[in-house]
């Protein structure tokens, strides 16, 4: 099973959640629903080498795909069997919405 870390308020996660929500091959974990999920994600983000570039540019690193072998990917297109109606392009940001730690956007 592939674990996918997302957050309801992340514009980049919207299409991923829509496309994968009912697919049993994926476990969607919304890091904003419980501090336990956030801590699990932060442990991964703070220790996995795949996040080095993400941290360097001040991004959060979601959506994040964790494969059964422990490897991490941020390439949503790789996992989506999306039709033309599903796009992984982010929705327009609403006031205050940002996926980067400095508030500049996703």
C-alpha atoms as a PDB file:
ATOM      1  CA  UNK A   1       0.000   0.000   0.000  1.00  0.00           C
ATOM      2  CA  UNK A   2       1.180   3.506  -0.778  1.00  0.00           C
ATOM      3  CA  UNK A   3       0.773   6.067   1.996  1.00  0.00           C
ATOM      4  CA  UNK A   4      -0.132   9.562   0.825  1.00  0.00           C
ATOM      5  CA  UNK A   5       0.277  12.496   3.195  1.00  0.00           C
ATOM      6  CA  UNK A   6      -2.103  15.344   2.346  1.00  0.00           C
ATOM      7  CA  UNK A   7      -3.859  18.226   4.051  1.00  0.00           C
ATOM      8  CA  UNK A   8      -7.359  19.551   3.389  1.00  0.00           C
ATOM      9  CA  UNK A   9      -6.181  23.151   3.167  1.00  0.00           C
ATOM     10  CA  UNK A  10      -3.356  22.404   0.697  1.00  0.00           C
ATOM     11  CA  UNK A  11      -4.359  23.373  -2.843  1.00  0.00           C
ATOM     12  CA  UNK A  12      -1.932  20.843  -4.342  1.00  0.00           C
ATOM     13  CA  UNK A  13      -3.588  18.012  -2.393  1.00  0.00           C
ATOM     14  CA  UNK A  14      -7.133  18.635  -3.658  1.00  0.00           C
ATOM     15  CA  UNK A  15      -6.847  16.762  -6.972  1.00  0.00           C
ATOM     16  CA  UNK A  16      -4.790  13.990  -5.382  1.00  0.00           C
ATOM     17  CA  UNK A  17      -7.445  13.400  -2.724  1.00  0.00           C
ATOM     18  CA  UNK A  18     -10.187  13.471  -5.383  1.00  0.00           C
ATOM     19  CA  UNK A  19      -8.410  11.015  -7.664  1.00  0.00           C
ATOM     20  CA  UNK A  20      -7.158   8.569  -5.036  1.00  0.00           C
ATOM     21  CA  UNK A  21      -9.796   8.809  -2.315  1.00  0.00           C
ATOM     22  CA  UNK A  22     -11.554   5.534  -3.101  1.00  0.00           C
ATOM     23  CA  UNK A  23      -8.568   3.575  -4.427  1.00  0.00           C
ATOM     24  CA  UNK A  24      -7.684   0.798  -1.978  1.00  0.00           C
ATOM     25  CA  UNK A  25      -4.021   0.838  -3.089  1.00  0.00           C
ATOM     26  CA  UNK A  26      -3.549   4.142  -1.250  1.00  0.00           C
ATOM     27  CA  UNK A  27      -3.857   5.186   2.363  1.00  0.00           C
ATOM     28  CA  UNK A  28      -4.615   8.913   2.500  1.00  0.00           C
ATOM     29  CA  UNK A  29      -3.489  10.566   5.718  1.00  0.00           C
ATOM     30  CA  UNK A  30      -4.607  14.149   6.278  1.00  0.00           C
ATOM     31  CA  UNK A  31      -1.940  15.627   8.546  1.00  0.00           C
ATOM     32  CA  UNK A  32      -4.334  18.351   9.649  1.00  0.00           C
ATOM     33  CA  UNK A  33      -6.938  16.053  11.199  1.00  0.00           C
ATOM     34  CA  UNK A  34      -4.942  14.875  14.201  1.00  0.00           C
ATOM     35  CA  UNK A  35      -1.648  15.801  15.821  1.00  0.00           C
ATOM     36  CA  UNK A  36      -0.653  12.107  15.678  1.00  0.00           C
ATOM     37  CA  UNK A  37      -0.721  12.290  11.843  1.00  0.00           C
ATOM     38  CA  UNK A  38       1.229  15.544  11.848  1.00  0.00           C
ATOM     39  CA  UNK A  39       3.904  14.052  14.116  1.00  0.00           C
ATOM     40  CA  UNK A  40       4.215  10.978  11.884  1.00  0.00           C
ATOM     41  CA  UNK A  41       4.696  13.202   8.843  1.00  0.00           C
ATOM     42  CA  UNK A  42       7.169  15.512  10.603  1.00  0.00           C
ATOM     43  CA  UNK A  43       9.301  12.542  11.718  1.00  0.00           C
ATOM     44  CA  UNK A  44       9.462  11.427   8.089  1.00  0.00           C
ATOM     45  CA  UNK A  45      10.110  14.954   6.795  1.00  0.00           C
ATOM     46  CA  UNK A  46      12.864  15.606   9.314  1.00  0.00           C
ATOM     47  CA  UNK A  47      14.713  12.323   8.670  1.00  0.00           C
ATOM     48  CA  UNK A  48      14.198  11.176   5.078  1.00  0.00           C
ATOM     49  CA  UNK A  49      16.801  12.416   2.579  1.00  0.00           C
ATOM     50  CA  UNK A  50      14.127  12.966  -0.103  1.00  0.00           C
ATOM     51  CA  UNK A  51      12.934  15.994   1.863  1.00  0.00           C
ATOM     52  CA  UNK A  52      16.294  17.828   1.833  1.00  0.00           C
ATOM     53  CA  UNK A  53      15.448  19.894  -1.250  1.00  0.00           C
ATOM     54  CA  UNK A  54      11.896  20.475   0.010  1.00  0.00           C
ATOM     55  CA  UNK A  55      13.160  21.839   3.320  1.00  0.00           C
ATOM     56  CA  UNK A  56      15.825  23.942   1.574  1.00  0.00           C
ATOM     57  CA  UNK A  57      13.206  25.839  -0.404  1.00  0.00           C
ATOM     58  CA  UNK A  58      10.930  26.263   2.618  1.00  0.00           C
ATOM     59  CA  UNK A  59       8.167  23.986   1.367  1.00  0.00           C
ATOM     60  CA  UNK A  60       6.144  21.536   3.445  1.00  0.00           C
ATOM     61  CA  UNK A  61       6.413  18.526   1.133  1.00  0.00           C
ATOM     62  CA  UNK A  62       2.796  17.546   0.554  1.00  0.00           C
ATOM     63  CA  UNK A  63       1.322  15.745  -1.183  1.00  0.00           C
ATOM     64  CA  UNK A  64       3.890  13.118  -0.355  1.00  0.00           C
ATOM     65  CA  UNK A  65       3.807   9.512  -1.549  1.00  0.00           C
ATOM     66  CA  UNK A  66       5.561   6.889   0.616  1.00  0.00           C
ATOM     67  CA  UNK A  67       6.015   3.603  -1.203  1.00  0.00           C
ATOM     68  CA  UNK A  68       6.098   0.200   0.522  1.00  0.00           C
ATOM     69  CA  UNK A  69       9.897   0.093   0.199  1.00  0.00           C
ATOM     70  CA  UNK A  70      10.166   3.373   2.139  1.00  0.00           C
ATOM     71  CA  UNK A  71      11.059   5.540  -0.840  1.00  0.00           C
ATOM     72  CA  UNK A  72       9.374   8.941  -1.119  1.00  0.00           C
ATOM     73  CA  UNK A  73       8.010  10.731  -4.167  1.00  0.00           C
ATOM     74  CA  UNK A  74       6.413  14.133  -4.670  1.00  0.00           C
ATOM     75  CA  UNK A  75       5.392  13.417  -8.299  1.00  0.00           C
ATOM     76  CA  UNK A  76       1.608  13.074  -8.110  1.00  0.00           C
ATOM     77  CA  UNK A  77       1.284  12.464 -11.847  1.00  0.00           C
ATOM     78  CA  UNK A  78       3.211   9.222 -11.396  1.00  0.00           C
ATOM     79  CA  UNK A  79       0.417   7.768  -9.260  1.00  0.00           C
ATOM     80  CA  UNK A  80      -2.719   9.214 -10.788  1.00  0.00           C
ATOM     81  CA  UNK A  81      -4.737   7.361 -13.383  1.00  0.00           C
ATOM     82  CA  UNK A  82      -6.568  10.621 -13.936  1.00  0.00           C
ATOM     83  CA  UNK A  83      -8.850  11.359 -16.794  1.00  0.00           C
ATOM     84  CA  UNK A  84      -9.023  14.769 -18.441  1.00  0.00           C
ATOM     85  CA  UNK A  85     -11.338  16.103 -15.737  1.00  0.00           C
ATOM     86  CA  UNK A  86      -8.765  15.575 -12.972  1.00  0.00           C
ATOM     87  CA  UNK A  87      -5.769  17.862 -12.899  1.00  0.00           C
ATOM     88  CA  UNK A  88      -2.983  18.104 -10.362  1.00  0.00           C
ATOM     89  CA  UNK A  89      -2.564  21.810 -11.046  1.00  0.00           C
ATOM     90  CA  UNK A  90      -3.233  23.726  -7.844  1.00  0.00           C
ATOM     91  CA  UNK A  91      -6.428  25.654  -7.418  1.00  0.00           C
ATOM     92  CA  UNK A  92      -6.096  29.407  -7.033  1.00  0.00           C
ATOM     93  CA  UNK A  93      -4.863  30.293  -3.569  1.00  0.00           C
ATOM     94  CA  UNK A  94      -7.292  31.904  -1.214  1.00  0.00           C
ATOM     95  CA  UNK A  95      -6.148  34.596   1.176  1.00  0.00           C
ATOM     96  CA  UNK A  96      -3.795  33.081   3.712  1.00  0.00           C
ATOM     97  CA  UNK A  97      -3.492  29.720   1.976  1.00  0.00           C
ATOM     98  CA  UNK A  98       0.116  28.653   1.472  1.00  0.00           C
ATOM     99  CA  UNK A  99       2.065  25.431   1.410  1.00  0.00           C
ATOM    100  CA  UNK A 100       5.443  27.037   1.997  1.00  0.00           C
ATOM    101  CA  UNK A 101       6.542  27.764   5.525  1.00  0.00           C
ATOM    102  CA  UNK A 102       7.255  31.393   4.646  1.00  0.00           C
ATOM    103  CA  UNK A 103       3.684  31.890   3.366  1.00  0.00           C
ATOM    104  CA  UNK A 104       4.644  32.525  -0.259  1.00  0.00           C
ATOM    105  CA  UNK A 105       2.492  29.774  -1.757  1.00  0.00           C
ATOM    106  CA  UNK A 106       2.863  26.238  -2.990  1.00  0.00           C
END
